[in-house]
C-alpha atoms as a PDB file:
ATOM      1  CA  THR A   1     -64.977 -44.507 127.537  1.00  0.00           C
ATOM      2  CA  VAL A   2     -61.504 -45.782 126.738  1.00  0.00           C
ATOM      3  CA  VAL A   3     -60.638 -42.296 125.069  1.00  0.00           C
ATOM      4  CA  ALA A   4     -61.915 -40.374 128.025  1.00  0.00           C
ATOM      5  CA  ALA A   5     -59.576 -42.492 130.359  1.00  0.00           C
ATOM      6  CA  LEU A   6     -56.660 -42.043 128.044  1.00  0.00           C
ATOM      7  CA  ARG A   7     -57.367 -38.414 128.074  1.00  0.00           C
ATOM      8  CA  ARG A   8     -57.157 -38.423 131.818  1.00  0.00           C
ATOM      9  CA  ARG A   9     -53.857 -40.792 131.849  1.00  0.00           C
ATOM     10  CA  LEU A  10     -51.597 -39.625 129.006  1.00  0.00           C
ATOM     11  CA  PRO A  11     -50.682 -36.125 130.077  1.00  0.00           C
ATOM     12  CA  ALA A  12     -48.998 -37.550 133.375  1.00  0.00           C
ATOM     13  CA  CYS A  13     -47.079 -40.408 131.360  1.00  0.00           C
ATOM     14  CA  ALA A  14     -46.417 -39.185 127.680  1.00  0.00           C
ATOM     15  CA  HIS A  15     -43.251 -37.684 128.687  1.00  0.00           C
ATOM     16  CA  GLU A  16     -41.707 -41.107 129.720  1.00  0.00           C
ATOM     17  CA  LEU A  17     -42.094 -42.605 126.165  1.00  0.00           C
ATOM     18  CA  PRO A  18     -39.152 -43.121 124.054  1.00  0.00           C
ATOM     19  CA  PRO A  19     -39.006 -40.530 120.935  1.00  0.00           C
ATOM     20  CA  VAL A  20     -40.636 -42.980 118.261  1.00  0.00           C
ATOM     21  CA  ARG A  21     -43.582 -44.144 120.687  1.00  0.00           C
ATOM     22  CA  LEU A  22     -44.135 -40.288 121.451  1.00  0.00           C
ATOM     23  CA  ALA A  23     -44.377 -39.505 117.785  1.00  0.00           C
ATOM     24  CA  GLU A  24     -46.922 -42.403 117.154  1.00  0.00           C
ATOM     25  CA  LEU A  25     -48.963 -41.193 120.215  1.00  0.00           C
ATOM     26  CA  ALA A  26     -49.043 -37.736 118.604  1.00  0.00           C
ATOM     27  CA  VAL A  27     -50.358 -39.426 115.347  1.00  0.00           C
ATOM     28  CA  SER A  28     -53.031 -41.268 117.285  1.00  0.00           C
ATOM     29  CA  CYS A  29     -54.115 -38.125 119.305  1.00  0.00           C
ATOM     30  CA  ALA A  30     -54.555 -36.154 116.246  1.00  0.00           C
ATOM     31  CA  ARG A  31     -56.571 -38.945 114.849  1.00  0.00           C
ATOM     32  CA  LEU A  32     -58.735 -39.151 118.106  1.00  0.00           C
ATOM     33  CA  GLU A  33     -58.778 -35.388 118.402  1.00  0.00           C
ATOM     34  CA  VAL A  34     -57.036 -35.808 122.096  1.00  0.00           C
ATOM     35  CA  ARG A  35     -55.947 -32.238 122.556  1.00  0.00           C
ATOM     36  CA  GLU A  36     -55.167 -31.917 126.376  1.00  0.00           C
ATOM     37  CA  THR A  37     -53.060 -28.833 127.078  1.00  0.00           C
ATOM     38  CA  ALA A  38     -50.357 -30.758 128.957  1.00  0.00           C
ATOM     39  CA  LEU A  39     -50.170 -33.318 126.448  1.00  0.00           C
ATOM     40  CA  LEU A  40     -49.729 -30.928 123.654  1.00  0.00           C
ATOM     41  CA  GLY A  41     -47.043 -29.255 125.434  1.00  0.00           C
ATOM     42  CA  THR A  42     -45.216 -32.604 125.652  1.00  0.00           C
ATOM     43  CA  PHE A  43     -45.503 -33.022 122.059  1.00  0.00           C
ATOM     44  CA  ALA A  44     -44.107 -29.452 121.560  1.00  0.00           C
ATOM     45  CA  ARG A  45     -41.205 -29.766 123.873  1.00  0.00           C
ATOM     46  CA  GLN A  46     -40.188 -33.510 123.328  1.00  0.00           C
ATOM     47  CA  VAL A  47     -41.043 -34.784 119.843  1.00  0.00           C
ATOM     48  CA  GLU A  48     -37.850 -35.587 118.015  1.00  0.00           C
ATOM     49  CA  LEU A  49     -38.390 -36.063 114.041  1.00  0.00           C
ATOM     50  CA  ARG A  50     -34.727 -36.754 113.438  1.00  0.00           C
ATOM     51  CA  ASP A  51     -34.709 -40.583 113.458  1.00  0.00           C
ATOM     52  CA  LEU A  52     -38.246 -41.489 112.463  1.00  0.00           C
ATOM     53  CA  SER A  53     -39.070 -43.557 109.363  1.00  0.00           C
ATOM     54  CA  PRO A  54     -40.322 -41.737 106.399  1.00  0.00           C
ATOM     55  CA  PRO A  55     -43.883 -42.888 106.917  1.00  0.00           C
ATOM     56  CA  LEU A  56     -43.895 -41.835 110.471  1.00  0.00           C
ATOM     57  CA  PHE A  57     -42.089 -38.694 109.765  1.00  0.00           C
ATOM     58  CA  GLY A  58     -44.915 -37.527 107.491  1.00  0.00           C
ATOM     59  CA  GLU A  59     -47.433 -38.816 109.364  1.00  0.00           C
ATOM     60  CA  THR A  60     -46.010 -36.952 112.546  1.00  0.00           C
ATOM     61  CA  ALA A  61     -45.551 -33.803 110.666  1.00  0.00           C
ATOM     62  CA  LYS A  62     -49.197 -33.741 109.675  1.00  0.00           C
ATOM     63  CA  SER A  63     -50.438 -34.791 112.908  1.00  0.00           C
ATOM     64  CA  LEU A  64     -48.534 -32.014 114.608  1.00  0.00           C
ATOM     65  CA  ALA A  65     -50.125 -29.420 112.198  1.00  0.00           C
ATOM     66  CA  ALA A  66     -53.448 -30.786 112.864  1.00  0.00           C
ATOM     67  CA  LEU A  67     -52.854 -30.493 116.582  1.00  0.00           C
ATOM     68  CA  GLY A  68     -51.934 -26.836 116.158  1.00  0.00           C
ATOM     69  CA  LEU A  69     -48.337 -27.318 117.107  1.00  0.00           C
ATOM     70  CA  THR A  70     -46.638 -25.977 113.955  1.00  0.00           C
ATOM     71  CA  SER A  71     -46.278 -22.522 115.665  1.00  0.00           C
ATOM     72  CA  SER A  72     -43.903 -24.074 118.270  1.00  0.00           C
ATOM     73  CA  PRO A  73     -40.451 -22.404 117.026  1.00  0.00           C
ATOM     74  CA  ARG A  74     -38.952 -25.878 118.242  1.00  0.00           C
ATOM     75  CA  LEU A  75     -41.106 -27.832 115.916  1.00  0.00           C
ATOM     76  CA  GLN A  76     -40.769 -25.008 113.116  1.00  0.00           C
ATOM     77  CA  ARG A  77     -36.890 -25.547 113.210  1.00  0.00           C
ATOM     78  CA  GLN A  78     -37.095 -29.413 113.369  1.00  0.00           C
ATOM     79  CA  LEU A  79     -39.385 -29.470 110.378  1.00  0.00           C
ATOM     80  CA  HIS A  80     -37.113 -27.201 108.326  1.00  0.00           C
ATOM     81  CA  GLU A  81     -34.163 -29.248 109.114  1.00  0.00           C
ATOM     82  CA  GLU A  82     -35.490 -32.485 108.663  1.00  0.00           C
ATOM     83  CA  CYS A  83     -36.917 -31.623 105.359  1.00  0.00           C
ATOM     84  CA  LEU A  84     -34.085 -30.041 104.031  1.00  0.00           C
ATOM     85  CA  LEU A  85     -32.093 -33.345 104.991  1.00  0.00           C
ATOM     86  CA  ARG A  86     -34.818 -35.588 103.673  1.00  0.00           C
ATOM     87  CA  LEU A  87     -35.166 -33.812 100.310  1.00  0.00           C
ATOM     88  CA  ALA A  88     -31.367 -33.631  99.865  1.00  0.00           C
ATOM     89  CA  ALA A  89     -31.171 -37.376 100.475  1.00  0.00           C
ATOM     90  CA  ALA A  90     -33.807 -38.104  98.155  1.00  0.00           C
ATOM     91  CA  ASP A  91     -32.284 -36.052  95.457  1.00  0.00           C
ATOM     92  CA  ALA A  92     -28.860 -38.117  95.966  1.00  0.00           C
ATOM     93  CA  GLU A  93     -30.811 -41.361  95.841  1.00  0.00           C
ATOM     94  CA  GLU A  94     -32.367 -40.075  92.373  1.00  0.00           C
ATOM     95  CA  GLU A  95     -29.068 -38.972  91.157  1.00  0.00           C
ATOM     96  CA  GLU A  96     -27.208 -42.307  91.916  1.00  0.00           C
ATOM     97  CA  ASP A  97     -30.248 -44.246  90.211  1.00  0.00           C
ATOM     98  CA  ARG A  98     -29.605 -42.369  87.129  1.00  0.00           C
ATOM     99  CA  ALA A  99     -25.775 -42.703  87.300  1.00  0.00           C
ATOM    100  CA  VAL A 100     -26.328 -46.320  87.660  1.00  0.00           C
ATOM    101  CA  GLY A 101     -28.453 -46.527  84.783  1.00  0.00           C
ATOM    102  CA  GLY A 102     -31.654 -48.197  86.116  1.00  0.00           C
ATOM    103  CA  SER A 103     -32.579 -51.790  86.017  1.00  0.00           C
ATOM    104  CA  SER A 104     -34.699 -54.430  84.266  1.00  0.00           C
ATOM    105  CA  SER A 105     -38.222 -53.526  83.600  1.00  0.00           C
ATOM    106  CA  GLU A 106     -39.682 -55.974  86.184  1.00  0.00           C
ATOM    107  CA  GLY A 107     -37.019 -54.694  88.893  1.00  0.00           C
ATOM    108  CA  GLY A 108     -37.693 -51.081  87.578  1.00  0.00           C
ATOM    109  CA  ALA A 109     -41.132 -51.469  88.305  1.00  0.00           C
ATOM    110  CA  ARG A 110     -40.698 -52.877  91.846  1.00  0.00           C
ATOM    111  CA  ASP A 111     -38.052 -49.904  92.457  1.00  0.00           C
ATOM    112  CA  GLU A 112     -40.880 -47.567  91.237  1.00  0.00           C
ATOM    113  CA  ALA A 113     -43.461 -48.764  93.597  1.00  0.00           C
ATOM    114  CA  ALA A 114     -41.013 -48.770  96.518  1.00  0.00           C
ATOM    115  CA  ALA A 115     -39.951 -45.228  95.735  1.00  0.00           C
ATOM    116  CA  ALA A 116     -43.544 -44.067  95.407  1.00  0.00           C
ATOM    117  CA  ALA A 117     -44.313 -45.707  98.767  1.00  0.00           C
ATOM    118  CA  ALA A 118     -41.198 -44.220 100.129  1.00  0.00           C
ATOM    119  CA  ALA A 119     -42.103 -40.596  99.087  1.00  0.00           C
ATOM    120  CA  ASP A 120     -45.453 -40.499 100.735  1.00  0.00           C
ATOM    121  CA  TRP A 121     -44.095 -38.667 103.564  1.00  0.00           C
ATOM    122  CA  VAL A 122     -43.850 -35.641 100.966  1.00  0.00           C
ATOM    123  CA  LEU A 123     -47.441 -35.717 100.610  1.00  0.00           C
ATOM    124  CA  ASP A 124     -48.038 -35.767 104.362  1.00  0.00           C
ATOM    125  CA  LEU A 125     -45.653 -32.824 104.817  1.00  0.00           C
ATOM    126  CA  MET A 126     -47.782 -30.891 102.005  1.00  0.00           C
ATOM    127  CA  ASP A 127     -50.843 -31.344 104.293  1.00  0.00           C
ATOM    128  CA  CYS A 128     -48.767 -30.505 107.368  1.00  0.00           C
ATOM    129  CA  LEU A 129     -47.845 -27.082 105.435  1.00  0.00           C
ATOM    130  CA  GLY A 130     -51.183 -26.625 104.463  1.00  0.00           C
ATOM    131  CA  GLU A 131     -52.640 -27.069 108.240  1.00  0.00           C
ATOM    132  CA  ALA A 132     -49.952 -24.573 109.186  1.00  0.00           C
ATOM    133  CA  ALA A 133     -50.778 -22.025 106.781  1.00  0.00           C
ATOM    134  CA  THR A 134     -54.347 -22.352 107.882  1.00  0.00           C
ATOM    135  CA  GLU A 135     -53.408 -22.027 111.321  1.00  0.00           C
ATOM    136  CA  ALA A 136     -51.381 -18.928 110.879  1.00  0.00           C
ATOM    137  CA  ARG A 137     -54.303 -17.233 109.062  1.00  0.00           C
ATOM    138  CA  ARG A 138     -56.589 -18.162 111.826  1.00  0.00           C
ATOM    139  CA  SER A 139     -54.317 -17.368 114.942  1.00  0.00           C
ATOM    140  CA  HIS A 140     -51.244 -15.653 114.217  1.00  0.00           C
ATOM    141  CA  GLY A 141     -52.368 -12.689 111.992  1.00  0.00           C
ATOM    142  CA  GLY A 142     -51.636 -14.456 108.633  1.00  0.00           C
ATOM    143  CA  GLU A 143     -47.844 -14.810 109.407  1.00  0.00           C
ATOM    144  CA  CYS A 144     -47.067 -18.183 107.955  1.00  0.00           C
ATOM    145  CA  PRO A 145     -43.832 -20.125 109.473  1.00  0.00           C
ATOM    146  CA  VAL A 146     -40.887 -20.180 107.081  1.00  0.00           C
ATOM    147  CA  PHE A 147     -40.192 -23.683 106.138  1.00  0.00           C
END
């Protein structure tokens, strides 16, 4: 099958991918339940969350958790730092919007829809944290990562 061929090929070449493509690959592997040890090691060592779009950040965080990689200290550190930055940026945007005083009802509805779509990463992050807690209970004596 195609997935079987990918299982053989990906571990040897994933480390060559640019950061965004590697994050996308992590999402696809989680969806397809591709969990080759060498590939998971590449994700744990090389995935960079820093410059991902909000939707890809959320999907990647959720996928790394589904792959059981949130126990990696490197990924825990990245998740923690990136969440603080993204939440602070969201708070600053919200404050700015309040200071400006909003916009017309039609524009306001569009702005609300855009804001809701942009905030979907927070829901994915909640999935990630839930998966991390479950993994901690199963594999790490119940000690949950500090995010």
